[in-house]
Amino acid sequence: MFMPSLPSLPLRAGRVHEAFGPGAAGFAAIAASMAEGPVLWIREAWRPEILNPVGLAPVLDPGRVLLARPADQADALGVAEEALKDGAVPLVVLEVTRALDLREGRRLQLAAGAGRATGLCLIPEGMGSNAAETRWQCTPSFDAQDSTRQLWRLIKNKSGTTGAWHVRWDPQAHRVAVVSPVRE
């Protein structure tokens, strides 16, 4: 699905991207809905929260989500690297809990390039990797009539310009719609 007003979506294949903020998981679900085929979602097993794919149903078919729960971030990076390199899944979502160093980020980029898969790291704020193709800040944008409204800021883009968009999920069209910001 191509959206001319969001030039960096869908996310570029063969590269690894980053998203952070309270709306990052929603951004990942929407990115996954744009991918063809299954999606691998990696979250460390020690984390108390568990992703429930059924909760993604308004945006993404839960049957397309494969969950991996490796023991720690080192194992998670290994799983992500192998999945990206293999290319069997078009999108790998990796939730990280500490900053990736340049070596780790570069290994993921090389693996994504080799497998022509897309990687999306959900990162803590301020912990981005220099190797990332794009970095998105995703935050809710209050609207009394629409709980799906978000503000997505593209704050890093190696292949183009940056910008900010108010978006909402359109369930009837099953796509993201760009909306005008709320007036003061």
N, C-alpha and C. Protein backbone atom coordinates (compact mmCIF):
# COMPACT_ATOMS: atom_id res chain seq x y z
N MET A 1 0.85 -1.17 0.00
CA MET A 1 0.00 0.00 0.00
C MET A 1 0.90 1.23 0.00
N PHE A 2 0.80 2.09 -0.98
CA PHE A 2 1.63 3.28 -1.08
C PHE A 2 0.84 4.49 -0.63
N MET A 3 1.44 5.32 0.22
CA MET A 3 0.79 6.52 0.70
C MET A 3 1.66 7.71 0.31
N PRO A 4 1.30 8.46 -0.74
CA PRO A 4 2.17 9.52 -1.22
C PRO A 4 2.48 10.59 -0.18
N SER A 5 1.62 10.80 0.81
CA SER A 5 1.89 11.84 1.79
C SER A 5 2.79 11.35 2.93
N LEU A 6 3.06 10.05 2.97
CA LEU A 6 4.02 9.49 3.92
C LEU A 6 5.11 8.81 3.09
N PRO A 7 6.10 9.58 2.63
CA PRO A 7 7.06 9.06 1.66
C PRO A 7 7.91 7.89 2.14
N SER A 8 8.04 7.67 3.42
CA SER A 8 8.89 6.59 3.91
C SER A 8 8.10 5.36 4.34
N LEU A 9 6.81 5.32 4.02
CA LEU A 9 6.00 4.14 4.29
C LEU A 9 5.45 3.62 2.98
N PRO A 10 5.37 2.32 2.77
CA PRO A 10 5.85 1.29 3.67
C PRO A 10 7.36 1.38 3.86
N LEU A 11 7.81 0.81 4.96
CA LEU A 11 9.24 0.85 5.29
C LEU A 11 10.05 0.17 4.19
N ARG A 12 11.20 0.73 3.90
CA ARG A 12 12.06 0.23 2.82
C ARG A 12 12.58 -1.17 3.14
N ALA A 13 12.37 -2.09 2.21
CA ALA A 13 12.83 -3.47 2.37
C ALA A 13 14.35 -3.53 2.28
N GLY A 14 14.92 -4.53 2.93
CA GLY A 14 16.36 -4.71 2.91
C GLY A 14 17.08 -3.78 3.86
N ARG A 15 16.34 -3.12 4.73
CA ARG A 15 16.92 -2.17 5.68
C ARG A 15 16.27 -2.37 7.05
N VAL A 16 16.91 -1.80 8.08
CA VAL A 16 16.39 -1.84 9.45
C VAL A 16 16.03 -0.42 9.86
N HIS A 17 14.85 -0.28 10.43
CA HIS A 17 14.30 1.01 10.84
C HIS A 17 14.08 0.98 12.35
N GLU A 18 13.79 2.14 12.94
CA GLU A 18 13.55 2.22 14.37
C GLU A 18 12.30 3.05 14.64
N ALA A 19 11.61 2.71 15.73
CA ALA A 19 10.47 3.49 16.21
C ALA A 19 10.52 3.53 17.72
N PHE A 20 10.11 4.65 18.30
CA PHE A 20 10.06 4.76 19.75
C PHE A 20 8.88 5.62 20.14
N GLY A 21 8.56 5.58 21.42
CA GLY A 21 7.46 6.37 21.94
C GLY A 21 6.28 5.48 22.29
N PRO A 22 5.26 6.06 22.95
CA PRO A 22 4.12 5.27 23.39
C PRO A 22 3.30 4.67 22.25
N GLY A 23 3.44 5.16 21.04
CA GLY A 23 2.71 4.62 19.90
C GLY A 23 3.54 3.71 19.01
N ALA A 24 4.74 3.32 19.47
CA ALA A 24 5.64 2.53 18.63
C ALA A 24 5.09 1.14 18.30
N ALA A 25 4.43 0.49 19.26
CA ALA A 25 3.87 -0.84 18.98
C ALA A 25 2.76 -0.74 17.94
N GLY A 26 1.95 0.31 18.01
CA GLY A 26 0.92 0.52 16.99
C GLY A 26 1.53 0.78 15.62
N PHE A 27 2.61 1.55 15.59
CA PHE A 27 3.34 1.80 14.35
C PHE A 27 3.82 0.47 13.77
N ALA A 28 4.36 -0.40 14.64
CA ALA A 28 4.85 -1.70 14.19
C ALA A 28 3.71 -2.55 13.64
N ALA A 29 2.56 -2.52 14.30
CA ALA A 29 1.41 -3.30 13.83
C ALA A 29 0.96 -2.81 12.45
N ILE A 30 0.95 -1.50 12.25
CA ILE A 30 0.56 -0.94 10.95
C ILE A 30 1.60 -1.29 9.89
N ALA A 31 2.89 -1.20 10.24
CA ALA A 31 3.94 -1.60 9.30
C ALA A 31 3.79 -3.08 8.94
N ALA A 32 3.43 -3.90 9.92
CA ALA A 32 3.24 -5.32 9.68
C ALA A 32 2.04 -5.57 8.76
N SER A 33 1.00 -4.74 8.89
CA SER A 33 -0.18 -4.92 8.04
C SER A 33 0.15 -4.61 6.58
N MET A 34 1.18 -3.82 6.33
CA MET A 34 1.59 -3.47 4.98
C MET A 34 2.48 -4.55 4.35
N ALA A 35 3.03 -5.42 5.18
CA ALA A 35 3.93 -6.48 4.70
C ALA A 35 3.10 -7.66 4.19
N GLU A 36 3.62 -8.35 3.22
CA GLU A 36 2.98 -9.56 2.69
C GLU A 36 3.53 -10.76 3.45
N GLY A 37 2.65 -11.57 4.02
CA GLY A 37 3.09 -12.79 4.69
C GLY A 37 3.24 -12.64 6.19
N PRO A 38 3.89 -13.63 6.82
CA PRO A 38 4.01 -13.63 8.27
C PRO A 38 4.99 -12.57 8.78
N VAL A 39 4.83 -12.23 10.05
CA VAL A 39 5.67 -11.23 10.70
C VAL A 39 6.25 -11.87 11.97
N LEU A 40 7.55 -11.75 12.16
CA LEU A 40 8.19 -12.26 13.37
C LEU A 40 8.34 -11.11 14.36
N TRP A 41 7.77 -11.27 15.57
CA TRP A 41 7.84 -10.25 16.61
C TRP A 41 8.67 -10.83 17.74
N ILE A 42 9.79 -10.17 18.07
CA ILE A 42 10.75 -10.68 19.05
C ILE A 42 10.74 -9.78 20.28
N ARG A 43 10.49 -10.41 21.43
CA ARG A 43 10.51 -9.70 22.72
C ARG A 43 11.19 -10.60 23.74
N GLU A 44 12.08 -10.04 24.52
CA GLU A 44 12.83 -10.83 25.50
C GLU A 44 11.89 -11.49 26.52
N ALA A 45 12.19 -12.75 26.87
CA ALA A 45 11.32 -13.54 27.73
C ALA A 45 11.23 -13.01 29.15
N TRP A 46 12.25 -12.32 29.64
CA TRP A 46 12.24 -11.85 31.02
C TRP A 46 11.26 -10.69 31.24
N ARG A 47 10.83 -10.06 30.15
CA ARG A 47 9.92 -8.92 30.29
C ARG A 47 8.55 -9.40 30.74
N PRO A 48 7.95 -8.71 31.71
CA PRO A 48 6.67 -9.20 32.26
C PRO A 48 5.49 -9.07 31.28
N GLU A 49 5.54 -8.11 30.37
CA GLU A 49 4.44 -7.96 29.42
C GLU A 49 4.57 -9.02 28.33
N ILE A 50 3.44 -9.51 27.88
CA ILE A 50 3.43 -10.47 26.78
C ILE A 50 2.56 -9.90 25.68
N LEU A 51 3.06 -9.92 24.46
CA LEU A 51 2.29 -9.44 23.32
C LEU A 51 1.18 -10.44 23.03
N ASN A 52 -0.05 -9.95 22.93
CA ASN A 52 -1.18 -10.79 22.55
C ASN A 52 -1.57 -10.42 21.13
N PRO A 53 -1.27 -11.26 20.15
CA PRO A 53 -1.57 -10.94 18.75
C PRO A 53 -3.05 -10.64 18.50
N VAL A 54 -3.95 -11.20 19.33
CA VAL A 54 -5.38 -10.93 19.15
C VAL A 54 -5.66 -9.44 19.36
N GLY A 55 -4.88 -8.78 20.19
CA GLY A 55 -5.05 -7.34 20.40
C GLY A 55 -4.71 -6.52 19.17
N LEU A 56 -3.99 -7.11 18.22
CA LEU A 56 -3.63 -6.42 16.98
C LEU A 56 -4.69 -6.62 15.89
N ALA A 57 -5.71 -7.41 16.17
CA ALA A 57 -6.70 -7.82 15.16
C ALA A 57 -7.34 -6.67 14.38
N PRO A 58 -7.62 -5.51 14.96
CA PRO A 58 -8.20 -4.44 14.14
C PRO A 58 -7.27 -3.96 13.01
N VAL A 59 -5.97 -4.20 13.18
CA VAL A 59 -4.99 -3.74 12.22
C VAL A 59 -4.35 -4.88 11.44
N LEU A 60 -4.12 -6.00 12.11
CA LEU A 60 -3.31 -7.09 11.57
C LEU A 60 -3.92 -8.43 11.94
N ASP A 61 -3.98 -9.34 10.99
CA ASP A 61 -4.48 -10.69 11.24
C ASP A 61 -3.55 -11.36 12.26
N PRO A 62 -4.07 -11.74 13.45
CA PRO A 62 -3.21 -12.34 14.48
C PRO A 62 -2.54 -13.63 14.02
N GLY A 63 -3.13 -14.32 13.05
CA GLY A 63 -2.54 -15.55 12.54
C GLY A 63 -1.25 -15.33 11.78
N ARG A 64 -0.97 -14.09 11.40
CA ARG A 64 0.27 -13.77 10.68
C ARG A 64 1.44 -13.48 11.61
N VAL A 65 1.17 -13.37 12.92
CA VAL A 65 2.20 -12.95 13.88
C VAL A 65 2.85 -14.18 14.51
N LEU A 66 4.16 -14.29 14.33
CA LEU A 66 4.96 -15.33 14.97
C LEU A 66 5.70 -14.67 16.12
N LEU A 67 5.60 -15.24 17.30
CA LEU A 67 6.24 -14.66 18.48
C LEU A 67 7.49 -15.44 18.84
N ALA A 68 8.55 -14.72 19.16
CA ALA A 68 9.79 -15.32 19.67
C ALA A 68 10.11 -14.64 20.99
N ARG A 69 10.46 -15.43 22.00
CA ARG A 69 10.77 -14.89 23.32
C ARG A 69 12.13 -15.41 23.78
N PRO A 70 13.22 -14.92 23.18
CA PRO A 70 14.56 -15.34 23.61
C PRO A 70 14.87 -14.83 25.01
N ALA A 71 15.88 -15.42 25.62
CA ALA A 71 16.20 -15.14 27.02
C ALA A 71 16.64 -13.69 27.27
N ASP A 72 17.46 -13.13 26.39
CA ASP A 72 18.01 -11.79 26.62
C ASP A 72 18.23 -11.09 25.28
N GLN A 73 18.76 -9.88 25.34
CA GLN A 73 18.92 -9.10 24.12
C GLN A 73 19.95 -9.72 23.18
N ALA A 74 20.98 -10.33 23.70
CA ALA A 74 21.98 -10.97 22.83
C ALA A 74 21.31 -12.07 22.00
N ASP A 75 20.50 -12.90 22.65
CA ASP A 75 19.78 -13.95 21.92
C ASP A 75 18.76 -13.35 20.96
N ALA A 76 18.09 -12.28 21.38
CA ALA A 76 17.10 -11.63 20.52
C ALA A 76 17.76 -11.09 19.25
N LEU A 77 18.93 -10.50 19.39
CA LEU A 77 19.66 -10.00 18.23
C LEU A 77 20.05 -11.15 17.29
N GLY A 78 20.43 -12.28 17.87
CA GLY A 78 20.78 -13.44 17.06
C GLY A 78 19.58 -13.96 16.28
N VAL A 79 18.43 -14.04 16.93
CA VAL A 79 17.20 -14.49 16.26
C VAL A 79 16.83 -13.52 15.14
N ALA A 80 16.89 -12.22 15.44
CA ALA A 80 16.55 -11.20 14.44
C ALA A 80 17.49 -11.27 13.24
N GLU A 81 18.77 -11.39 13.51
CA GLU A 81 19.75 -11.44 12.43
C GLU A 81 19.51 -12.64 11.52
N GLU A 82 19.28 -13.82 12.11
CA GLU A 82 19.04 -15.01 11.30
C GLU A 82 17.74 -14.90 10.50
N ALA A 83 16.69 -14.36 11.11
CA ALA A 83 15.41 -14.22 10.41
C ALA A 83 15.53 -13.21 9.27
N LEU A 84 16.23 -12.11 9.50
CA LEU A 84 16.41 -11.12 8.43
C LEU A 84 17.23 -11.70 7.29
N LYS A 85 18.30 -12.41 7.63
CA LYS A 85 19.19 -12.99 6.62
C LYS A 85 18.46 -14.05 5.79
N ASP A 86 17.61 -14.83 6.44
CA ASP A 86 16.88 -15.89 5.75
C ASP A 86 15.85 -15.32 4.78
N GLY A 87 15.19 -14.22 5.17
CA GLY A 87 14.21 -13.59 4.30
C GLY A 87 12.88 -14.31 4.21
N ALA A 88 12.66 -15.35 5.03
CA ALA A 88 11.40 -16.10 4.97
C ALA A 88 10.22 -15.27 5.48
N VAL A 89 10.47 -14.32 6.37
CA VAL A 89 9.42 -13.40 6.81
C VAL A 89 9.77 -12.02 6.28
N PRO A 90 8.80 -11.29 5.76
CA PRO A 90 9.11 -9.99 5.18
C PRO A 90 9.41 -8.90 6.20
N LEU A 91 8.94 -9.08 7.46
CA LEU A 91 9.16 -8.07 8.49
C LEU A 91 9.52 -8.75 9.79
N VAL A 92 10.58 -8.24 10.42
CA VAL A 92 11.01 -8.69 11.75
C VAL A 92 10.92 -7.49 12.67
N VAL A 93 10.08 -7.60 13.71
CA VAL A 93 9.96 -6.56 14.72
C VAL A 93 10.75 -7.02 15.94
N LEU A 94 11.70 -6.20 16.36
CA LEU A 94 12.57 -6.52 17.49
C LEU A 94 12.44 -5.45 18.55
N GLU A 95 11.96 -5.85 19.73
CA GLU A 95 11.89 -4.90 20.85
C GLU A 95 13.20 -4.98 21.61
N VAL A 96 13.91 -3.86 21.68
CA VAL A 96 15.20 -3.85 22.39
C VAL A 96 15.06 -3.08 23.69
N THR A 97 15.88 -3.45 24.67
CA THR A 97 15.81 -2.81 25.99
C THR A 97 17.04 -1.98 26.30
N ARG A 98 18.06 -2.10 25.46
CA ARG A 98 19.26 -1.26 25.62
C ARG A 98 19.70 -0.82 24.22
N ALA A 99 20.48 0.22 24.18
CA ALA A 99 20.94 0.75 22.89
C ALA A 99 21.77 -0.28 22.14
N LEU A 100 21.57 -0.31 20.82
CA LEU A 100 22.40 -1.16 19.97
C LEU A 100 23.70 -0.40 19.67
N ASP A 101 24.82 -1.11 19.76
CA ASP A 101 26.07 -0.46 19.36
C ASP A 101 26.16 -0.51 17.83
N LEU A 102 27.13 0.17 17.28
CA LEU A 102 27.26 0.26 15.83
C LEU A 102 27.46 -1.11 15.19
N ARG A 103 28.21 -1.99 15.83
CA ARG A 103 28.44 -3.33 15.30
C ARG A 103 27.12 -4.10 15.22
N GLU A 104 26.32 -4.06 16.28
CA GLU A 104 25.04 -4.77 16.28
C GLU A 104 24.09 -4.21 15.22
N GLY A 105 24.02 -2.89 15.15
CA GLY A 105 23.16 -2.27 14.15
C GLY A 105 23.61 -2.59 12.74
N ARG A 106 24.90 -2.59 12.50
CA ARG A 106 25.42 -2.90 11.16
C ARG A 106 25.17 -4.36 10.79
N ARG A 107 25.31 -5.27 11.75
CA ARG A 107 25.03 -6.69 11.48
C ARG A 107 23.58 -6.88 11.06
N LEU A 108 22.66 -6.18 11.75
CA LEU A 108 21.24 -6.28 11.39
C LEU A 108 21.01 -5.72 9.98
N GLN A 109 21.66 -4.59 9.66
CA GLN A 109 21.51 -4.01 8.32
C GLN A 109 22.02 -4.97 7.25
N LEU A 110 23.17 -5.57 7.47
CA LEU A 110 23.71 -6.52 6.49
C LEU A 110 22.80 -7.73 6.32
N ALA A 111 22.23 -8.22 7.43
CA ALA A 111 21.32 -9.36 7.36
C ALA A 111 20.06 -9.00 6.60
N ALA A 112 19.51 -7.82 6.86
CA ALA A 112 18.30 -7.37 6.14
C ALA A 112 18.57 -7.24 4.66
N GLY A 113 19.73 -6.70 4.31
CA GLY A 113 20.10 -6.57 2.90
C GLY A 113 20.24 -7.92 2.23
N ALA A 114 20.84 -8.87 2.93
CA ALA A 114 21.04 -10.21 2.35
C ALA A 114 19.72 -10.93 2.12
N GLY A 115 18.78 -10.78 3.04
CA GLY A 115 17.51 -11.48 2.92
C GLY A 115 16.40 -10.67 2.28
N ARG A 116 16.68 -9.39 1.95
CA ARG A 116 15.68 -8.48 1.38
C ARG A 116 14.45 -8.37 2.28
N ALA A 117 14.66 -8.52 3.59
CA ALA A 117 13.60 -8.40 4.57
C ALA A 117 13.69 -7.01 5.22
N THR A 118 12.65 -6.63 5.92
CA THR A 118 12.61 -5.35 6.61
C THR A 118 12.70 -5.61 8.10
N GLY A 119 13.54 -4.85 8.79
CA GLY A 119 13.64 -4.92 10.24
C GLY A 119 13.09 -3.66 10.86
N LEU A 120 12.42 -3.80 11.98
CA LEU A 120 11.91 -2.66 12.73
C LEU A 120 12.24 -2.88 14.20
N CYS A 121 13.13 -2.05 14.73
CA CYS A 121 13.50 -2.11 16.14
C CYS A 121 12.65 -1.12 16.91
N LEU A 122 11.96 -1.61 17.94
CA LEU A 122 11.24 -0.74 18.86
C LEU A 122 12.22 -0.45 19.99
N ILE A 123 12.61 0.81 20.09
CA ILE A 123 13.72 1.19 20.97
C ILE A 123 13.24 2.10 22.09
N PRO A 124 13.95 2.10 23.23
CA PRO A 124 13.68 3.13 24.24
C PRO A 124 14.12 4.50 23.70
N GLU A 125 13.44 5.54 24.12
CA GLU A 125 13.76 6.87 23.65
C GLU A 125 15.22 7.22 23.92
N GLY A 126 15.87 7.80 22.91
CA GLY A 126 17.25 8.22 23.04
C GLY A 126 18.28 7.12 22.84
N MET A 127 17.82 5.93 22.43
CA MET A 127 18.75 4.80 22.28
C MET A 127 18.83 4.31 20.85
N GLY A 128 18.77 5.20 19.89
CA GLY A 128 18.83 4.80 18.49
C GLY A 128 20.22 4.42 18.05
N SER A 129 20.27 3.65 16.98
CA SER A 129 21.53 3.20 16.40
C SER A 129 21.88 4.08 15.20
N ASN A 130 23.15 4.37 15.01
CA ASN A 130 23.58 5.13 13.84
C ASN A 130 23.34 4.36 12.55
N ALA A 131 23.19 3.05 12.64
CA ALA A 131 23.01 2.22 11.45
C ALA A 131 21.58 2.24 10.92
N ALA A 132 20.61 2.74 11.70
CA ALA A 132 19.20 2.70 11.29
C ALA A 132 18.96 3.53 10.03
N GLU A 133 18.12 3.00 9.15
CA GLU A 133 17.73 3.72 7.92
C GLU A 133 16.81 4.90 8.26
N THR A 134 15.77 4.63 9.05
CA THR A 134 14.87 5.69 9.50
C THR A 134 14.61 5.52 10.99
N ARG A 135 14.21 6.62 11.63
CA ARG A 135 13.81 6.58 13.04
C ARG A 135 12.52 7.40 13.18
N TRP A 136 11.51 6.75 13.76
CA TRP A 136 10.19 7.36 13.91
C TRP A 136 9.86 7.56 15.39
N GLN A 137 9.35 8.74 15.72
CA GLN A 137 8.82 9.01 17.06
C GLN A 137 7.30 8.93 16.94
N CYS A 138 6.68 8.06 17.72
CA CYS A 138 5.25 7.78 17.59
C CYS A 138 4.54 8.09 18.90
N THR A 139 3.65 9.07 18.88
CA THR A 139 2.94 9.46 20.09
C THR A 139 1.45 9.61 19.80
N PRO A 140 0.61 9.32 20.80
CA PRO A 140 -0.81 9.55 20.63
C PRO A 140 -1.09 11.04 20.47
N SER A 141 -2.14 11.37 19.73
CA SER A 141 -2.55 12.76 19.53
C SER A 141 -4.02 12.82 19.93
N PHE A 142 -4.32 13.54 20.98
CA PHE A 142 -5.68 13.52 21.54
C PHE A 142 -6.73 13.99 20.54
N ASP A 143 -7.79 13.20 20.44
CA ASP A 143 -8.98 13.55 19.67
C ASP A 143 -10.15 12.85 20.33
N ALA A 144 -11.13 13.60 20.81
CA ALA A 144 -12.28 13.02 21.53
C ALA A 144 -13.08 12.05 20.67
N GLN A 145 -13.08 12.23 19.35
CA GLN A 145 -13.86 11.36 18.47
C GLN A 145 -13.05 10.17 17.90
N ASP A 146 -11.73 10.19 18.02
CA ASP A 146 -10.93 9.16 17.37
C ASP A 146 -9.75 8.76 18.26
N SER A 147 -9.84 7.58 18.86
CA SER A 147 -8.79 7.14 19.77
C SER A 147 -7.57 6.59 19.03
N THR A 148 -7.64 6.48 17.69
CA THR A 148 -6.51 5.93 16.94
C THR A 148 -5.57 7.01 16.40
N ARG A 149 -5.87 8.27 16.66
CA ARG A 149 -5.03 9.34 16.11
C ARG A 149 -3.64 9.32 16.74
N GLN A 150 -2.63 9.46 15.89
CA GLN A 150 -1.23 9.46 16.31
C GLN A 150 -0.49 10.62 15.64
N LEU A 151 0.61 11.01 16.23
CA LEU A 151 1.55 11.94 15.59
C LEU A 151 2.82 11.15 15.35
N TRP A 152 3.15 10.97 14.07
CA TRP A 152 4.36 10.26 13.69
C TRP A 152 5.37 11.28 13.17
N ARG A 153 6.53 11.33 13.82
CA ARG A 153 7.62 12.22 13.38
C ARG A 153 8.75 11.35 12.84
N LEU A 154 9.12 11.60 11.61
CA LEU A 154 10.27 10.94 11.01
C LEU A 154 11.46 11.83 11.34
N ILE A 155 12.27 11.42 12.33
CA ILE A 155 13.34 12.30 12.81
C ILE A 155 14.70 11.94 12.24
N LYS A 156 14.79 10.78 11.57
CA LYS A 156 16.03 10.39 10.90
C LYS A 156 15.63 9.66 9.62
N ASN A 157 16.27 10.04 8.51
CA ASN A 157 15.98 9.38 7.24
C ASN A 157 17.23 9.46 6.38
N LYS A 158 17.91 8.34 6.19
CA LYS A 158 19.13 8.31 5.38
C LYS A 158 18.85 8.47 3.90
N SER A 159 17.61 8.26 3.47
CA SER A 159 17.28 8.28 2.04
C SER A 159 16.37 9.44 1.64
N GLY A 160 16.14 10.39 2.49
CA GLY A 160 15.22 11.47 2.11
C GLY A 160 15.05 12.48 3.22
N THR A 161 13.91 13.13 3.21
CA THR A 161 13.65 14.20 4.16
C THR A 161 12.94 13.67 5.40
N THR A 162 12.86 14.52 6.39
CA THR A 162 12.14 14.20 7.62
C THR A 162 10.83 14.98 7.62
N GLY A 163 9.98 14.72 8.58
CA GLY A 163 8.71 15.43 8.66
C GLY A 163 7.85 14.89 9.78
N ALA A 164 6.65 15.42 9.88
CA ALA A 164 5.70 14.98 10.91
C ALA A 164 4.31 14.90 10.28
N TRP A 165 3.56 13.87 10.68
CA TRP A 165 2.22 13.66 10.15
C TRP A 165 1.28 13.24 11.27
N HIS A 166 0.08 13.79 11.25
CA HIS A 166 -1.00 13.31 12.10
C HIS A 166 -1.70 12.22 11.30
N VAL A 167 -1.80 11.04 11.89
CA VAL A 167 -2.39 9.91 11.18
C VAL A 167 -3.45 9.25 12.06
N ARG A 168 -4.31 8.49 11.42
CA ARG A 168 -5.26 7.67 12.15
C ARG A 168 -5.46 6.38 11.36
N TRP A 169 -5.90 5.36 12.05
CA TRP A 169 -6.18 4.09 11.40
C TRP A 169 -7.60 4.13 10.86
N ASP A 170 -7.75 3.82 9.58
CA ASP A 170 -9.07 3.77 8.95
C ASP A 170 -9.45 2.30 8.83
N PRO A 171 -10.31 1.79 9.74
CA PRO A 171 -10.62 0.36 9.73
C PRO A 171 -11.41 -0.09 8.50
N GLN A 172 -12.24 0.78 7.93
CA GLN A 172 -13.00 0.39 6.75
C GLN A 172 -12.09 0.18 5.55
N ALA A 173 -11.14 1.07 5.35
CA ALA A 173 -10.21 0.97 4.23
C ALA A 173 -9.00 0.09 4.57
N HIS A 174 -8.84 -0.22 5.86
CA HIS A 174 -7.70 -1.01 6.36
C HIS A 174 -6.37 -0.37 5.93
N ARG A 175 -6.24 0.92 6.30
CA ARG A 175 -5.02 1.65 5.96
C ARG A 175 -4.87 2.85 6.89
N VAL A 176 -3.73 3.46 6.82
CA VAL A 176 -3.46 4.69 7.57
C VAL A 176 -3.96 5.88 6.76
N ALA A 177 -4.62 6.81 7.44
CA ALA A 177 -5.07 8.03 6.77
C ALA A 177 -4.35 9.21 7.42
N VAL A 178 -3.86 10.11 6.61
CA VAL A 178 -3.23 11.34 7.11
C VAL A 178 -4.36 12.33 7.38
N VAL A 179 -4.33 12.94 8.55
CA VAL A 179 -5.40 13.87 8.94
C VAL A 179 -4.81 15.23 9.30
N SER A 180 -5.62 16.24 9.22
CA SER A 180 -5.19 17.58 9.63
C SER A 180 -5.06 17.61 11.15
N PRO A 181 -4.07 18.36 11.66
CA PRO A 181 -3.94 18.46 13.10
C PRO A 181 -5.15 19.17 13.71
N VAL A 182 -5.41 18.87 14.98
CA VAL A 182 -6.53 19.49 15.70
C VAL A 182 -6.23 20.96 15.86
N ARG A 183 -7.22 21.78 15.59
CA ARG A 183 -7.05 23.24 15.78
C ARG A 183 -7.18 23.61 17.23
N GLU A 184 -6.44 24.65 17.60
CA GLU A 184 -6.49 25.14 18.99
C GLU A 184 -7.77 25.91 19.21
